[in-house]
Amino acid sequence: MLYATHYEPEDFLTIVNEKKLEVFERVYVLNCGIAGIVFMCKDKENLYYLDRLLPSEEKTKQLDQIDFYEFHQELYAKINLDESQRRKSSSICVE
């Protein structure tokens, strides 16, 4: 089973360098309509993501006004749901 874990920038870079993982990005849209990029990497067991959403310049101030804990909870839920759906889709395609 793949687990999604968020990391602060320094810890994320440490994992990328130590495990020699390839970094990729995905776009997520929050319920408030702010879209942004999240940087990630994964190995066979885990999905690691940078605990930041990088929105457009116009939306940065709006993102800063969102409750910190609600934002992180929503982002975590969206990433886990997305990854779960991707795993299901890839296992269907393989069969």
N, C-alpha and C. Protein backbone atom coordinates (compact mmCIF):
# COMPACT_ATOMS: atom_id res chain seq x y z
N MET A 1 0.84 -1.18 0.00
CA MET A 1 0.00 0.00 0.00
C MET A 1 0.89 1.24 0.00
N LEU A 2 0.51 2.21 -0.78
CA LEU A 2 1.26 3.45 -0.89
C LEU A 2 0.73 4.46 0.14
N TYR A 3 1.63 5.09 0.84
CA TYR A 3 1.26 6.10 1.82
C TYR A 3 1.71 7.47 1.36
N ALA A 4 0.86 8.46 1.52
CA ALA A 4 1.23 9.84 1.18
C ALA A 4 1.67 10.55 2.46
N THR A 5 2.84 11.16 2.39
CA THR A 5 3.39 11.85 3.55
C THR A 5 3.89 13.21 3.12
N HIS A 6 3.52 14.23 3.90
CA HIS A 6 3.98 15.58 3.57
C HIS A 6 5.26 15.91 4.33
N TYR A 7 6.09 16.73 3.70
CA TYR A 7 7.37 17.11 4.28
C TYR A 7 7.63 18.59 4.09
N GLU A 8 8.34 19.15 5.04
CA GLU A 8 8.83 20.51 4.92
C GLU A 8 9.94 20.51 3.86
N PRO A 9 10.25 21.67 3.27
CA PRO A 9 11.23 21.71 2.16
C PRO A 9 12.56 21.02 2.44
N GLU A 10 13.15 21.25 3.60
CA GLU A 10 14.46 20.65 3.89
C GLU A 10 14.37 19.14 3.94
N ASP A 11 13.33 18.62 4.60
CA ASP A 11 13.15 17.18 4.72
C ASP A 11 12.81 16.54 3.37
N PHE A 12 12.03 17.25 2.57
CA PHE A 12 11.67 16.75 1.25
C PHE A 12 12.94 16.60 0.39
N LEU A 13 13.78 17.61 0.41
CA LEU A 13 15.04 17.55 -0.35
C LEU A 13 15.95 16.44 0.15
N THR A 14 15.96 16.22 1.44
CA THR A 14 16.77 15.13 2.00
C THR A 14 16.30 13.78 1.47
N ILE A 15 15.00 13.56 1.45
CA ILE A 15 14.46 12.29 0.94
C ILE A 15 14.77 12.13 -0.54
N VAL A 16 14.57 13.19 -1.30
CA VAL A 16 14.85 13.13 -2.74
C VAL A 16 16.31 12.76 -2.98
N ASN A 17 17.21 13.40 -2.27
CA ASN A 17 18.64 13.16 -2.46
C ASN A 17 19.08 11.80 -1.94
N GLU A 18 18.63 11.41 -0.77
CA GLU A 18 19.04 10.14 -0.19
C GLU A 18 18.52 8.95 -0.98
N LYS A 19 17.26 9.03 -1.42
CA LYS A 19 16.66 7.91 -2.14
C LYS A 19 16.81 8.04 -3.65
N LYS A 20 17.38 9.16 -4.07
CA LYS A 20 17.58 9.43 -5.50
C LYS A 20 16.27 9.27 -6.29
N LEU A 21 15.26 9.99 -5.83
CA LEU A 21 13.93 9.92 -6.44
C LEU A 21 13.73 11.04 -7.45
N GLU A 22 12.91 10.79 -8.42
CA GLU A 22 12.58 11.79 -9.43
C GLU A 22 11.42 12.65 -8.92
N VAL A 23 11.58 13.96 -9.02
CA VAL A 23 10.55 14.89 -8.57
C VAL A 23 9.60 15.19 -9.73
N PHE A 24 8.32 15.20 -9.44
CA PHE A 24 7.30 15.55 -10.42
C PHE A 24 6.30 16.47 -9.74
N GLU A 25 5.41 17.04 -10.52
CA GLU A 25 4.43 17.94 -9.94
C GLU A 25 3.04 17.58 -10.41
N ARG A 26 2.08 17.95 -9.56
CA ARG A 26 0.67 17.81 -9.90
C ARG A 26 -0.04 19.09 -9.48
N VAL A 27 -1.13 19.39 -10.15
CA VAL A 27 -1.92 20.57 -9.83
C VAL A 27 -3.14 20.12 -9.04
N TYR A 28 -3.40 20.81 -7.95
CA TYR A 28 -4.59 20.54 -7.13
C TYR A 28 -5.38 21.83 -6.98
N VAL A 29 -6.69 21.68 -6.90
CA VAL A 29 -7.59 22.83 -6.73
C VAL A 29 -8.28 22.69 -5.38
N LEU A 30 -8.12 23.69 -4.55
CA LEU A 30 -8.77 23.69 -3.24
C LEU A 30 -10.25 24.01 -3.39
N ASN A 31 -11.01 23.70 -2.37
CA ASN A 31 -12.45 23.95 -2.41
C ASN A 31 -12.78 25.43 -2.60
N CYS A 32 -11.87 26.31 -2.20
CA CYS A 32 -12.11 27.75 -2.34
C CYS A 32 -11.79 28.23 -3.77
N GLY A 33 -11.32 27.33 -4.63
CA GLY A 33 -11.05 27.69 -6.02
C GLY A 33 -9.61 28.04 -6.32
N ILE A 34 -8.74 28.00 -5.34
CA ILE A 34 -7.32 28.29 -5.57
C ILE A 34 -6.66 27.03 -6.11
N ALA A 35 -6.00 27.17 -7.23
CA ALA A 35 -5.25 26.05 -7.81
C ALA A 35 -3.77 26.31 -7.64
N GLY A 36 -3.01 25.25 -7.48
CA GLY A 36 -1.58 25.41 -7.34
C GLY A 36 -0.84 24.11 -7.58
N ILE A 37 0.45 24.23 -7.70
CA ILE A 37 1.32 23.09 -7.98
C ILE A 37 1.84 22.52 -6.65
N VAL A 38 1.90 21.19 -6.58
CA VAL A 38 2.51 20.50 -5.45
C VAL A 38 3.60 19.60 -6.02
N PHE A 39 4.81 19.71 -5.47
CA PHE A 39 5.92 18.88 -5.91
C PHE A 39 5.94 17.59 -5.12
N MET A 40 6.23 16.48 -5.82
CA MET A 40 6.16 15.15 -5.22
C MET A 40 7.26 14.26 -5.74
N CYS A 41 7.44 13.13 -5.06
CA CYS A 41 8.27 12.04 -5.54
C CYS A 41 7.72 10.78 -4.89
N LYS A 42 8.06 9.64 -5.43
CA LYS A 42 7.58 8.42 -4.80
C LYS A 42 8.52 7.25 -5.06
N ASP A 43 8.44 6.31 -4.13
CA ASP A 43 9.13 5.04 -4.29
C ASP A 43 8.04 3.97 -4.33
N LYS A 44 8.38 2.73 -4.15
CA LYS A 44 7.37 1.66 -4.25
C LYS A 44 6.35 1.69 -3.13
N GLU A 45 6.72 2.26 -2.00
CA GLU A 45 5.86 2.21 -0.82
C GLU A 45 5.23 3.54 -0.43
N ASN A 46 5.83 4.64 -0.83
CA ASN A 46 5.38 5.95 -0.33
C ASN A 46 5.34 7.01 -1.41
N LEU A 47 4.41 7.93 -1.23
CA LEU A 47 4.35 9.15 -2.02
C LEU A 47 4.75 10.27 -1.05
N TYR A 48 5.77 11.01 -1.40
CA TYR A 48 6.25 12.11 -0.57
C TYR A 48 5.88 13.41 -1.29
N TYR A 49 5.34 14.36 -0.55
CA TYR A 49 5.04 15.63 -1.21
C TYR A 49 5.48 16.81 -0.36
N LEU A 50 5.88 17.85 -1.07
CA LEU A 50 6.30 19.09 -0.43
C LEU A 50 5.07 19.76 0.15
N ASP A 51 5.16 20.08 1.42
CA ASP A 51 4.02 20.62 2.16
C ASP A 51 3.77 22.08 1.80
N ARG A 52 3.60 22.33 0.51
CA ARG A 52 3.35 23.67 0.01
C ARG A 52 2.47 23.58 -1.24
N LEU A 53 1.64 24.57 -1.43
CA LEU A 53 0.88 24.71 -2.66
C LEU A 53 1.38 25.99 -3.30
N LEU A 54 1.82 25.91 -4.52
CA LEU A 54 2.35 27.09 -5.20
C LEU A 54 1.31 27.62 -6.19
N PRO A 55 0.52 28.61 -5.74
CA PRO A 55 -0.51 29.18 -6.62
C PRO A 55 0.08 30.29 -7.48
N SER A 56 -0.78 30.86 -8.31
CA SER A 56 -0.36 32.03 -9.09
C SER A 56 -0.13 33.20 -8.13
N GLU A 57 0.59 34.19 -8.61
CA GLU A 57 0.86 35.37 -7.77
C GLU A 57 -0.43 36.02 -7.28
N GLU A 58 -1.44 36.03 -8.14
CA GLU A 58 -2.70 36.68 -7.79
C GLU A 58 -3.41 35.97 -6.64
N LYS A 59 -3.18 34.67 -6.49
CA LYS A 59 -3.88 33.89 -5.46
C LYS A 59 -3.07 33.68 -4.19
N THR A 60 -1.82 34.10 -4.17
CA THR A 60 -0.96 33.88 -3.01
C THR A 60 -1.52 34.55 -1.75
N LYS A 61 -1.96 35.79 -1.86
CA LYS A 61 -2.52 36.49 -0.69
C LYS A 61 -3.78 35.80 -0.20
N GLN A 62 -4.62 35.34 -1.13
CA GLN A 62 -5.84 34.65 -0.76
C GLN A 62 -5.50 33.34 -0.03
N LEU A 63 -4.50 32.62 -0.49
CA LEU A 63 -4.09 31.37 0.15
C LEU A 63 -3.56 31.64 1.56
N ASP A 64 -2.85 32.74 1.74
CA ASP A 64 -2.30 33.09 3.06
C ASP A 64 -3.40 33.36 4.09
N GLN A 65 -4.60 33.67 3.64
CA GLN A 65 -5.70 33.97 4.56
C GLN A 65 -6.47 32.73 4.99
N ILE A 66 -6.19 31.60 4.39
CA ILE A 66 -6.87 30.34 4.73
C ILE A 66 -6.26 29.78 6.01
N ASP A 67 -7.09 29.19 6.85
CA ASP A 67 -6.61 28.57 8.08
C ASP A 67 -5.57 27.50 7.76
N PHE A 68 -4.42 27.58 8.41
CA PHE A 68 -3.29 26.69 8.17
C PHE A 68 -3.69 25.21 8.28
N TYR A 69 -4.37 24.85 9.33
CA TYR A 69 -4.71 23.45 9.56
C TYR A 69 -5.76 22.94 8.58
N GLU A 70 -6.74 23.78 8.27
CA GLU A 70 -7.76 23.39 7.28
C GLU A 70 -7.13 23.19 5.90
N PHE A 71 -6.22 24.09 5.54
CA PHE A 71 -5.54 23.98 4.26
C PHE A 71 -4.78 22.66 4.16
N HIS A 72 -3.99 22.35 5.16
CA HIS A 72 -3.17 21.14 5.13
C HIS A 72 -4.04 19.88 5.16
N GLN A 73 -5.11 19.92 5.89
CA GLN A 73 -6.03 18.78 5.94
C GLN A 73 -6.68 18.57 4.57
N GLU A 74 -7.12 19.63 3.95
CA GLU A 74 -7.76 19.52 2.63
C GLU A 74 -6.76 19.05 1.57
N LEU A 75 -5.56 19.59 1.59
CA LEU A 75 -4.54 19.18 0.62
C LEU A 75 -4.19 17.70 0.81
N TYR A 76 -4.01 17.27 2.04
CA TYR A 76 -3.70 15.87 2.34
C TYR A 76 -4.81 14.95 1.81
N ALA A 77 -6.06 15.32 2.07
CA ALA A 77 -7.19 14.51 1.62
C ALA A 77 -7.24 14.43 0.09
N LYS A 78 -7.04 15.55 -0.57
CA LYS A 78 -7.08 15.57 -2.04
C LYS A 78 -5.95 14.75 -2.64
N ILE A 79 -4.76 14.84 -2.07
CA ILE A 79 -3.62 14.08 -2.60
C ILE A 79 -3.83 12.59 -2.39
N ASN A 80 -4.31 12.20 -1.22
CA ASN A 80 -4.55 10.78 -0.97
C ASN A 80 -5.66 10.22 -1.86
N LEU A 81 -6.72 10.97 -2.05
CA LEU A 81 -7.80 10.53 -2.93
C LEU A 81 -7.31 10.41 -4.36
N ASP A 82 -6.56 11.40 -4.82
CA ASP A 82 -6.01 11.38 -6.17
C ASP A 82 -5.10 10.17 -6.36
N GLU A 83 -4.20 9.94 -5.42
CA GLU A 83 -3.26 8.82 -5.54
C GLU A 83 -4.00 7.48 -5.51
N SER A 84 -5.01 7.38 -4.68
CA SER A 84 -5.81 6.16 -4.62
C SER A 84 -6.49 5.89 -5.96
N GLN A 85 -7.05 6.93 -6.56
CA GLN A 85 -7.70 6.77 -7.86
C GLN A 85 -6.70 6.42 -8.96
N ARG A 86 -5.52 6.99 -8.90
CA ARG A 86 -4.48 6.67 -9.88
C ARG A 86 -4.05 5.21 -9.76
N ARG A 87 -3.91 4.72 -8.53
CA ARG A 87 -3.54 3.31 -8.33
C ARG A 87 -4.62 2.39 -8.87
N LYS A 88 -5.88 2.72 -8.58
CA LYS A 88 -6.99 1.89 -9.09
C LYS A 88 -7.01 1.88 -10.60
N SER A 89 -6.83 3.05 -11.21
CA SER A 89 -6.83 3.14 -12.67
C SER A 89 -5.69 2.34 -13.29
N SER A 90 -4.51 2.43 -12.68
CA SER A 90 -3.37 1.70 -13.25
C SER A 90 -3.52 0.20 -13.06
N SER A 91 -4.13 -0.24 -11.97
CA SER A 91 -4.32 -1.68 -11.78
C SER A 91 -5.40 -2.22 -12.72
N ILE A 92 -6.37 -1.42 -13.07
CA ILE A 92 -7.40 -1.83 -14.03
C ILE A 92 -6.78 -1.96 -15.41
N CYS A 93 -5.90 -1.01 -15.77
CA CYS A 93 -5.25 -1.04 -17.08
C CYS A 93 -4.31 -2.23 -17.23
N VAL A 94 -3.70 -2.67 -16.13
CA VAL A 94 -2.75 -3.77 -16.17
C VAL A 94 -3.45 -5.11 -16.36
N GLU A 95 -4.62 -5.25 -15.77
CA GLU A 95 -5.35 -6.52 -15.81
C GLU A 95 -5.87 -6.84 -17.15
